[in-house]
């Protein structure tokens, strides 16, 4: 059994395996919050955009405001195209002219370009 602060053979084996696989410790010693660790994991799996899309739809009212959310509901977001169900023709006409503003708000909220265009349809 090693003494004087030396590490045992199990650690040596673990360390050699990490080196063999090209893994290195960050060395920063920083502790991540669970939220940050999950965020890194989601991004590393390539599902970050899908998660951001779901969050965007969940936060719809907060992003666009109560009056717009009352009359327009997101139905689906596919390949950058957001389809909104609008309650009546007057609101559909108004939202037609607000499309670029809404796209900007939604993408700023998501922190990435998720929405390219908005399609308006009856609810």
C-alpha atoms as a PDB file:
ATOM      1  CA  UNK A   1       0.000   0.000   0.000  1.00  0.00           C
ATOM      2  CA  UNK A   2       1.533   3.331  -1.050  1.00  0.00           C
ATOM      3  CA  UNK A   3       2.312   5.853   1.597  1.00  0.00           C
ATOM      4  CA  UNK A   4       3.367   9.484   1.876  1.00  0.00           C
ATOM      5  CA  UNK A   5       0.520  10.835  -0.329  1.00  0.00           C
ATOM      6  CA  UNK A   6       1.125   8.502  -3.276  1.00  0.00           C
ATOM      7  CA  UNK A   7      -1.887   7.352  -5.163  1.00  0.00           C
ATOM      8  CA  UNK A   8      -2.901   3.745  -5.400  1.00  0.00           C
ATOM      9  CA  UNK A   9      -2.882   1.570  -8.474  1.00  0.00           C
ATOM     10  CA  UNK A  10      -6.637   1.957  -9.079  1.00  0.00           C
ATOM     11  CA  UNK A  11      -6.184   5.687  -9.567  1.00  0.00           C
ATOM     12  CA  UNK A  12      -3.182   5.087 -11.818  1.00  0.00           C
ATOM     13  CA  UNK A  13      -5.247   2.746 -13.989  1.00  0.00           C
ATOM     14  CA  UNK A  14      -8.082   5.242 -14.187  1.00  0.00           C
ATOM     15  CA  UNK A  15      -5.688   8.066 -15.059  1.00  0.00           C
ATOM     16  CA  UNK A  16      -3.876   6.006 -17.719  1.00  0.00           C
ATOM     17  CA  UNK A  17      -7.225   5.117 -19.324  1.00  0.00           C
ATOM     18  CA  UNK A  18      -8.289   8.788 -19.446  1.00  0.00           C
ATOM     19  CA  UNK A  19      -4.968   9.730 -21.035  1.00  0.00           C
ATOM     20  CA  UNK A  20      -5.254   6.860 -23.524  1.00  0.00           C
ATOM     21  CA  UNK A  21      -8.720   8.073 -24.568  1.00  0.00           C
ATOM     22  CA  UNK A  22      -7.450  11.635 -24.948  1.00  0.00           C
ATOM     23  CA  UNK A  23      -9.458  13.016 -22.044  1.00  0.00           C
ATOM     24  CA  UNK A  24      -7.997  15.694 -19.878  1.00  0.00           C
ATOM     25  CA  UNK A  25      -9.173  17.357 -16.727  1.00  0.00           C
ATOM     26  CA  UNK A  26     -10.247  20.961 -17.140  1.00  0.00           C
ATOM     27  CA  UNK A  27      -7.979  21.914 -14.267  1.00  0.00           C
ATOM     28  CA  UNK A  28     -10.251  24.812 -13.346  1.00  0.00           C
ATOM     29  CA  UNK A  29     -11.703  23.069 -10.319  1.00  0.00           C
ATOM     30  CA  UNK A  30     -14.969  24.927 -10.946  1.00  0.00           C
ATOM     31  CA  UNK A  31     -18.157  23.376  -9.691  1.00  0.00           C
ATOM     32  CA  UNK A  32     -21.078  23.466 -12.122  1.00  0.00           C
ATOM     33  CA  UNK A  33     -24.658  23.934 -11.075  1.00  0.00           C
ATOM     34  CA  UNK A  34     -27.076  21.211 -12.118  1.00  0.00           C
ATOM     35  CA  UNK A  35     -28.688  23.629 -14.576  1.00  0.00           C
ATOM     36  CA  UNK A  36     -25.328  24.422 -16.192  1.00  0.00           C
ATOM     37  CA  UNK A  37     -24.382  20.748 -16.371  1.00  0.00           C
ATOM     38  CA  UNK A  38     -27.711  19.858 -17.964  1.00  0.00           C
ATOM     39  CA  UNK A  39     -27.387  22.738 -20.395  1.00  0.00           C
ATOM     40  CA  UNK A  40     -23.922  21.530 -21.463  1.00  0.00           C
ATOM     41  CA  UNK A  41     -25.219  17.981 -21.825  1.00  0.00           C
ATOM     42  CA  UNK A  42     -28.218  19.066 -23.928  1.00  0.00           C
ATOM     43  CA  UNK A  43     -25.950  21.092 -26.228  1.00  0.00           C
ATOM     44  CA  UNK A  44     -23.432  18.254 -26.523  1.00  0.00           C
ATOM     45  CA  UNK A  45     -26.149  15.816 -27.626  1.00  0.00           C
ATOM     46  CA  UNK A  46     -27.271  18.116 -30.423  1.00  0.00           C
ATOM     47  CA  UNK A  47     -30.697  18.593 -28.878  1.00  0.00           C
ATOM     48  CA  UNK A  48     -30.141  22.180 -27.807  1.00  0.00           C
ATOM     49  CA  UNK A  49     -32.232  23.603 -30.633  1.00  0.00           C
ATOM     50  CA  UNK A  50     -35.151  21.274 -29.869  1.00  0.00           C
ATOM     51  CA  UNK A  51     -35.016  22.235 -26.203  1.00  0.00           C
ATOM     52  CA  UNK A  52     -34.907  25.936 -27.126  1.00  0.00           C
ATOM     53  CA  UNK A  53     -37.929  25.439 -29.406  1.00  0.00           C
ATOM     54  CA  UNK A  54     -39.907  23.811 -26.594  1.00  0.00           C
ATOM     55  CA  UNK A  55     -38.917  26.599 -24.210  1.00  0.00           C
ATOM     56  CA  UNK A  56     -39.954  29.202 -26.773  1.00  0.00           C
ATOM     57  CA  UNK A  57     -43.420  27.693 -27.101  1.00  0.00           C
ATOM     58  CA  UNK A  58     -43.756  27.354 -23.319  1.00  0.00           C
ATOM     59  CA  UNK A  59     -42.819  31.033 -22.793  1.00  0.00           C
ATOM     60  CA  UNK A  60     -45.050  32.282 -25.645  1.00  0.00           C
ATOM     61  CA  UNK A  61     -47.196  34.682 -23.574  1.00  0.00           C
ATOM     62  CA  UNK A  62     -44.208  36.127 -21.710  1.00  0.00           C
ATOM     63  CA  UNK A  63     -42.363  36.784 -24.984  1.00  0.00           C
ATOM     64  CA  UNK A  64     -45.126  38.246 -27.171  1.00  0.00           C
ATOM     65  CA  UNK A  65     -47.307  39.806 -24.511  1.00  0.00           C
ATOM     66  CA  UNK A  66     -50.730  39.023 -23.114  1.00  0.00           C
ATOM     67  CA  UNK A  67     -52.817  40.669 -25.859  1.00  0.00           C
ATOM     68  CA  UNK A  68     -51.066  38.872 -28.726  1.00  0.00           C
ATOM     69  CA  UNK A  69     -51.026  35.572 -26.836  1.00  0.00           C
ATOM     70  CA  UNK A  70     -54.758  35.886 -26.202  1.00  0.00           C
ATOM     71  CA  UNK A  71     -55.468  35.932 -29.945  1.00  0.00           C
ATOM     72  CA  UNK A  72     -52.606  33.874 -31.414  1.00  0.00           C
ATOM     73  CA  UNK A  73     -51.440  30.450 -30.287  1.00  0.00           C
ATOM     74  CA  UNK A  74     -48.323  28.681 -31.590  1.00  0.00           C
ATOM     75  CA  UNK A  75     -49.386  25.437 -33.242  1.00  0.00           C
ATOM     76  CA  UNK A  76     -46.015  24.092 -34.371  1.00  0.00           C
ATOM     77  CA  UNK A  77     -42.461  25.086 -35.171  1.00  0.00           C
ATOM     78  CA  UNK A  78     -40.853  23.113 -37.968  1.00  0.00           C
ATOM     79  CA  UNK A  79     -37.562  23.953 -39.687  1.00  0.00           C
ATOM     80  CA  UNK A  80     -37.773  27.620 -38.701  1.00  0.00           C
ATOM     81  CA  UNK A  81     -41.412  28.046 -39.709  1.00  0.00           C
ATOM     82  CA  UNK A  82     -43.731  28.982 -36.837  1.00  0.00           C
ATOM     83  CA  UNK A  83     -47.415  28.341 -37.540  1.00  0.00           C
ATOM     84  CA  UNK A  84     -49.781  30.468 -35.466  1.00  0.00           C
ATOM     85  CA  UNK A  85     -53.478  29.846 -35.019  1.00  0.00           C
ATOM     86  CA  UNK A  86     -55.186  33.246 -34.933  1.00  0.00           C
ATOM     87  CA  UNK A  87     -58.665  33.760 -33.459  1.00  0.00           C
ATOM     88  CA  UNK A  88     -60.129  36.187 -36.002  1.00  0.00           C
ATOM     89  CA  UNK A  89     -59.372  37.919 -39.330  1.00  0.00           C
ATOM     90  CA  UNK A  90     -58.748  41.327 -37.735  1.00  0.00           C
ATOM     91  CA  UNK A  91     -55.981  39.922 -35.545  1.00  0.00           C
ATOM     92  CA  UNK A  92     -54.608  37.896 -38.458  1.00  0.00           C
ATOM     93  CA  UNK A  93     -54.338  41.138 -40.471  1.00  0.00           C
ATOM     94  CA  UNK A  94     -52.628  42.934 -37.565  1.00  0.00           C
ATOM     95  CA  UNK A  95     -50.184  40.070 -36.951  1.00  0.00           C
ATOM     96  CA  UNK A  96     -49.346  39.915 -40.645  1.00  0.00           C
ATOM     97  CA  UNK A  97     -47.704  43.330 -40.267  1.00  0.00           C
ATOM     98  CA  UNK A  98     -46.060  42.350 -36.966  1.00  0.00           C
ATOM     99  CA  UNK A  99     -44.369  39.199 -38.277  1.00  0.00           C
ATOM    100  CA  UNK A 100     -40.825  40.596 -38.463  1.00  0.00           C
ATOM    101  CA  UNK A 101     -41.123  42.157 -35.003  1.00  0.00           C
ATOM    102  CA  UNK A 102     -42.356  38.851 -33.558  1.00  0.00           C
ATOM    103  CA  UNK A 103     -39.561  36.893 -35.243  1.00  0.00           C
ATOM    104  CA  UNK A 104     -37.026  39.266 -33.672  1.00  0.00           C
ATOM    105  CA  UNK A 105     -38.569  38.969 -30.203  1.00  0.00           C
ATOM    106  CA  UNK A 106     -38.730  35.190 -30.380  1.00  0.00           C
ATOM    107  CA  UNK A 107     -35.147  34.777 -31.589  1.00  0.00           C
ATOM    108  CA  UNK A 108     -33.791  37.228 -28.996  1.00  0.00           C
ATOM    109  CA  UNK A 109     -35.614  35.321 -26.279  1.00  0.00           C
ATOM    110  CA  UNK A 110     -34.200  31.997 -27.515  1.00  0.00           C
ATOM    111  CA  UNK A 111     -30.685  33.394 -27.870  1.00  0.00           C
ATOM    112  CA  UNK A 112     -30.423  31.879 -31.334  1.00  0.00           C
ATOM    113  CA  UNK A 113     -32.158  32.028 -34.701  1.00  0.00           C
ATOM    114  CA  UNK A 114     -34.966  29.499 -34.341  1.00  0.00           C
ATOM    115  CA  UNK A 115     -37.748  31.257 -36.243  1.00  0.00           C
ATOM    116  CA  UNK A 116     -37.253  32.321 -39.871  1.00  0.00           C
ATOM    117  CA  UNK A 117     -40.858  32.993 -40.779  1.00  0.00           C
ATOM    118  CA  UNK A 118     -44.330  33.096 -39.291  1.00  0.00           C
ATOM    119  CA  UNK A 119     -47.351  31.563 -41.018  1.00  0.00           C
ATOM    120  CA  UNK A 120     -50.790  32.700 -39.872  1.00  0.00           C
ATOM    121  CA  UNK A 121     -53.811  30.422 -39.998  1.00  0.00           C
ATOM    122  CA  UNK A 122     -57.277  30.235 -38.439  1.00  0.00           C
ATOM    123  CA  UNK A 123     -57.459  28.863 -34.920  1.00  0.00           C
END
